[in-house]
Amino acid sequence: MSDRRLERDSEVRSQPVAEFDPAGQPYLLWVESLKRMVRESQIRAALAVNREMILVYWRIGKQILEKQANLGWGG
């Protein structure tokens, strides 16, 4: 190993390591933003499912009305 690399490795090891503080404000803000992203995605997914279900119920109702009109069902 070269002397230069040894010096660089030694410098890296001697630098202080930042402590992980899960109670720190930046961490808490980040976690809250992740929670918000998940909640927003869940809401968008629920709205999409509801929209699709309303559309299928509407199509079913339309077919029933057509069958009643064309074939005399339910008369």
N, C-alpha and C. Protein backbone atom coordinates (compact mmCIF):
# COMPACT_ATOMS: atom_id res chain seq x y z
N MET A 1 0.86 -1.18 0.00
CA MET A 1 0.00 0.00 0.00
C MET A 1 0.90 1.23 0.00
N SER A 2 0.52 2.23 -0.75
CA SER A 2 1.36 3.42 -0.85
C SER A 2 1.27 4.26 0.42
N ASP A 3 2.32 5.05 0.65
CA ASP A 3 2.33 5.94 1.82
C ASP A 3 1.19 6.95 1.75
N ARG A 4 0.90 7.39 0.53
CA ARG A 4 -0.16 8.39 0.36
C ARG A 4 -1.52 7.80 0.77
N ARG A 5 -1.77 6.56 0.36
CA ARG A 5 -3.03 5.93 0.72
C ARG A 5 -3.12 5.71 2.22
N LEU A 6 -2.03 5.33 2.85
CA LEU A 6 -2.02 5.15 4.30
C LEU A 6 -2.34 6.46 5.00
N GLU A 7 -1.77 7.56 4.49
CA GLU A 7 -2.06 8.87 5.09
C GLU A 7 -3.54 9.22 4.95
N ARG A 8 -4.09 8.98 3.77
CA ARG A 8 -5.49 9.30 3.53
C ARG A 8 -6.39 8.45 4.43
N ASP A 9 -6.11 7.15 4.53
CA ASP A 9 -6.89 6.27 5.39
C ASP A 9 -6.81 6.72 6.84
N SER A 10 -5.65 7.14 7.26
CA SER A 10 -5.46 7.59 8.63
C SER A 10 -6.27 8.86 8.88
N GLU A 11 -6.30 9.77 7.89
CA GLU A 11 -7.07 11.00 8.03
C GLU A 11 -8.56 10.70 8.15
N VAL A 12 -9.04 9.77 7.35
CA VAL A 12 -10.45 9.42 7.38
C VAL A 12 -10.81 8.84 8.73
N ARG A 13 -9.98 7.97 9.26
CA ARG A 13 -10.26 7.35 10.56
C ARG A 13 -10.21 8.35 11.70
N SER A 14 -9.42 9.40 11.56
CA SER A 14 -9.29 10.35 12.66
C SER A 14 -10.40 11.39 12.68
N GLN A 15 -11.22 11.47 11.62
CA GLN A 15 -12.30 12.44 11.60
C GLN A 15 -13.44 11.95 12.49
N PRO A 16 -14.08 12.89 13.20
CA PRO A 16 -15.18 12.48 14.08
C PRO A 16 -16.36 11.94 13.27
N VAL A 17 -17.01 10.96 13.82
CA VAL A 17 -18.17 10.36 13.18
C VAL A 17 -19.42 11.07 13.70
N ALA A 18 -20.31 11.45 12.79
CA ALA A 18 -21.55 12.10 13.20
C ALA A 18 -22.41 11.09 13.94
N GLU A 19 -22.92 11.50 15.07
CA GLU A 19 -23.77 10.60 15.85
C GLU A 19 -25.17 10.56 15.26
N PHE A 20 -25.77 9.40 15.31
CA PHE A 20 -27.15 9.24 14.87
C PHE A 20 -28.04 9.55 16.05
N ASP A 21 -28.88 10.55 15.88
CA ASP A 21 -29.78 10.97 16.96
C ASP A 21 -31.21 10.83 16.46
N PRO A 22 -31.84 9.65 16.71
CA PRO A 22 -33.20 9.46 16.21
C PRO A 22 -34.21 10.43 16.80
N ALA A 23 -33.86 11.06 17.91
CA ALA A 23 -34.77 12.04 18.51
C ALA A 23 -34.52 13.44 17.96
N GLY A 24 -33.52 13.58 17.08
CA GLY A 24 -33.19 14.89 16.52
C GLY A 24 -34.26 15.39 15.57
N GLN A 25 -34.38 16.69 15.48
CA GLN A 25 -35.42 17.32 14.66
C GLN A 25 -35.36 16.93 13.19
N PRO A 26 -34.19 16.93 12.52
CA PRO A 26 -34.17 16.55 11.10
C PRO A 26 -34.68 15.13 10.88
N TYR A 27 -34.33 14.22 11.75
CA TYR A 27 -34.78 12.83 11.61
C TYR A 27 -36.30 12.74 11.77
N LEU A 28 -36.82 13.41 12.79
CA LEU A 28 -38.26 13.37 13.03
C LEU A 28 -39.04 13.99 11.87
N LEU A 29 -38.53 15.08 11.33
CA LEU A 29 -39.18 15.69 10.17
C LEU A 29 -39.17 14.75 8.98
N TRP A 30 -38.07 14.05 8.78
CA TRP A 30 -37.95 13.10 7.66
C TRP A 30 -38.95 11.95 7.84
N VAL A 31 -39.03 11.41 9.04
CA VAL A 31 -39.97 10.32 9.30
C VAL A 31 -41.40 10.79 9.07
N GLU A 32 -41.73 11.98 9.52
CA GLU A 32 -43.07 12.52 9.30
C GLU A 32 -43.36 12.68 7.81
N SER A 33 -42.36 13.10 7.05
CA SER A 33 -42.59 13.25 5.60
C SER A 33 -42.82 11.88 4.96
N LEU A 34 -42.14 10.85 5.42
CA LEU A 34 -42.38 9.49 4.91
C LEU A 34 -43.79 9.03 5.25
N LYS A 35 -44.22 9.29 6.48
CA LYS A 35 -45.58 8.91 6.87
C LYS A 35 -46.61 9.62 6.02
N ARG A 36 -46.36 10.90 5.75
CA ARG A 36 -47.29 11.68 4.94
C ARG A 36 -47.36 11.11 3.51
N MET A 37 -46.21 10.73 2.95
CA MET A 37 -46.20 10.14 1.61
C MET A 37 -47.02 8.86 1.57
N VAL A 38 -46.88 8.03 2.59
CA VAL A 38 -47.63 6.77 2.63
C VAL A 38 -49.13 7.05 2.75
N ARG A 39 -49.50 7.96 3.65
CA ARG A 39 -50.93 8.29 3.82
C ARG A 39 -51.52 8.85 2.54
N GLU A 40 -50.81 9.75 1.88
CA GLU A 40 -51.32 10.33 0.64
C GLU A 40 -51.49 9.27 -0.44
N SER A 41 -50.56 8.33 -0.52
CA SER A 41 -50.67 7.24 -1.50
C SER A 41 -51.85 6.34 -1.17
N GLN A 42 -52.05 6.07 0.11
CA GLN A 42 -53.19 5.24 0.51
C GLN A 42 -54.51 5.91 0.12
N ILE A 43 -54.60 7.21 0.32
CA ILE A 43 -55.82 7.95 -0.03
C ILE A 43 -56.04 7.91 -1.53
N ARG A 44 -54.97 8.17 -2.32
CA ARG A 44 -55.12 8.12 -3.77
C ARG A 44 -55.53 6.73 -4.24
N ALA A 45 -54.99 5.70 -3.63
CA ALA A 45 -55.36 4.33 -3.99
C ALA A 45 -56.83 4.06 -3.66
N ALA A 46 -57.27 4.49 -2.49
CA ALA A 46 -58.67 4.28 -2.10
C ALA A 46 -59.61 5.02 -3.04
N LEU A 47 -59.26 6.25 -3.43
CA LEU A 47 -60.09 7.01 -4.35
C LEU A 47 -60.17 6.32 -5.71
N ALA A 48 -59.06 5.77 -6.17
CA ALA A 48 -59.05 5.08 -7.46
C ALA A 48 -59.93 3.83 -7.40
N VAL A 49 -59.85 3.09 -6.31
CA VAL A 49 -60.68 1.89 -6.16
C VAL A 49 -62.15 2.28 -6.12
N ASN A 50 -62.48 3.31 -5.34
CA ASN A 50 -63.88 3.76 -5.26
C ASN A 50 -64.40 4.19 -6.62
N ARG A 51 -63.58 4.90 -7.38
CA ARG A 51 -63.98 5.35 -8.72
C ARG A 51 -64.29 4.14 -9.59
N GLU A 52 -63.41 3.15 -9.58
CA GLU A 52 -63.62 1.96 -10.41
C GLU A 52 -64.88 1.21 -9.99
N MET A 53 -65.13 1.11 -8.71
CA MET A 53 -66.32 0.40 -8.24
C MET A 53 -67.59 1.15 -8.65
N ILE A 54 -67.58 2.46 -8.56
CA ILE A 54 -68.74 3.25 -8.98
C ILE A 54 -68.99 3.04 -10.47
N LEU A 55 -67.91 3.03 -11.26
CA LEU A 55 -68.07 2.82 -12.71
C LEU A 55 -68.65 1.44 -13.01
N VAL A 56 -68.20 0.41 -12.33
CA VAL A 56 -68.72 -0.93 -12.61
C VAL A 56 -70.18 -1.03 -12.17
N TYR A 57 -70.54 -0.44 -11.05
CA TYR A 57 -71.94 -0.46 -10.61
C TYR A 57 -72.82 0.29 -11.61
N TRP A 58 -72.31 1.40 -12.13
CA TRP A 58 -73.07 2.17 -13.11
C TRP A 58 -73.28 1.33 -14.38
N ARG A 59 -72.21 0.65 -14.85
CA ARG A 59 -72.34 -0.19 -16.05
C ARG A 59 -73.33 -1.33 -15.82
N ILE A 60 -73.30 -1.92 -14.64
CA ILE A 60 -74.25 -3.01 -14.32
C ILE A 60 -75.68 -2.48 -14.35
N GLY A 61 -75.88 -1.32 -13.72
CA GLY A 61 -77.21 -0.71 -13.72
C GLY A 61 -77.70 -0.40 -15.12
N LYS A 62 -76.78 0.11 -15.95
CA LYS A 62 -77.13 0.42 -17.34
C LYS A 62 -77.56 -0.85 -18.08
N GLN A 63 -76.81 -1.94 -17.90
CA GLN A 63 -77.17 -3.20 -18.56
C GLN A 63 -78.53 -3.72 -18.09
N ILE A 64 -78.80 -3.59 -16.80
CA ILE A 64 -80.11 -4.03 -16.28
C ILE A 64 -81.23 -3.22 -16.93
N LEU A 65 -81.05 -1.89 -17.01
CA LEU A 65 -82.07 -1.05 -17.65
C LEU A 65 -82.26 -1.43 -19.12
N GLU A 66 -81.16 -1.72 -19.81
CA GLU A 66 -81.26 -2.13 -21.22
C GLU A 66 -82.01 -3.45 -21.35
N LYS A 67 -81.72 -4.40 -20.46
CA LYS A 67 -82.41 -5.70 -20.51
C LYS A 67 -83.91 -5.51 -20.22
N GLN A 68 -84.20 -4.64 -19.27
CA GLN A 68 -85.62 -4.38 -18.97
C GLN A 68 -86.34 -3.79 -20.18
N ALA A 69 -85.67 -2.85 -20.84
CA ALA A 69 -86.29 -2.16 -21.98
C ALA A 69 -86.39 -3.08 -23.20
N ASN A 70 -85.33 -3.83 -23.49
CA ASN A 70 -85.27 -4.63 -24.72
C ASN A 70 -85.93 -6.00 -24.58
N LEU A 71 -85.85 -6.60 -23.40
CA LEU A 71 -86.35 -7.97 -23.25
C LEU A 71 -87.54 -8.08 -22.29
N GLY A 72 -87.94 -6.97 -21.74
CA GLY A 72 -89.11 -6.99 -20.85
C GLY A 72 -88.83 -7.57 -19.48
N TRP A 73 -87.55 -7.62 -19.09
CA TRP A 73 -87.23 -8.16 -17.76
C TRP A 73 -87.78 -7.24 -16.68
N GLY A 74 -88.18 -7.82 -15.59
CA GLY A 74 -88.59 -7.05 -14.42
C GLY A 74 -89.92 -6.34 -14.60
N GLY A 75 -90.63 -6.66 -15.66
CA GLY A 75 -91.85 -5.96 -15.97
C GLY A 75 -93.03 -6.50 -15.29
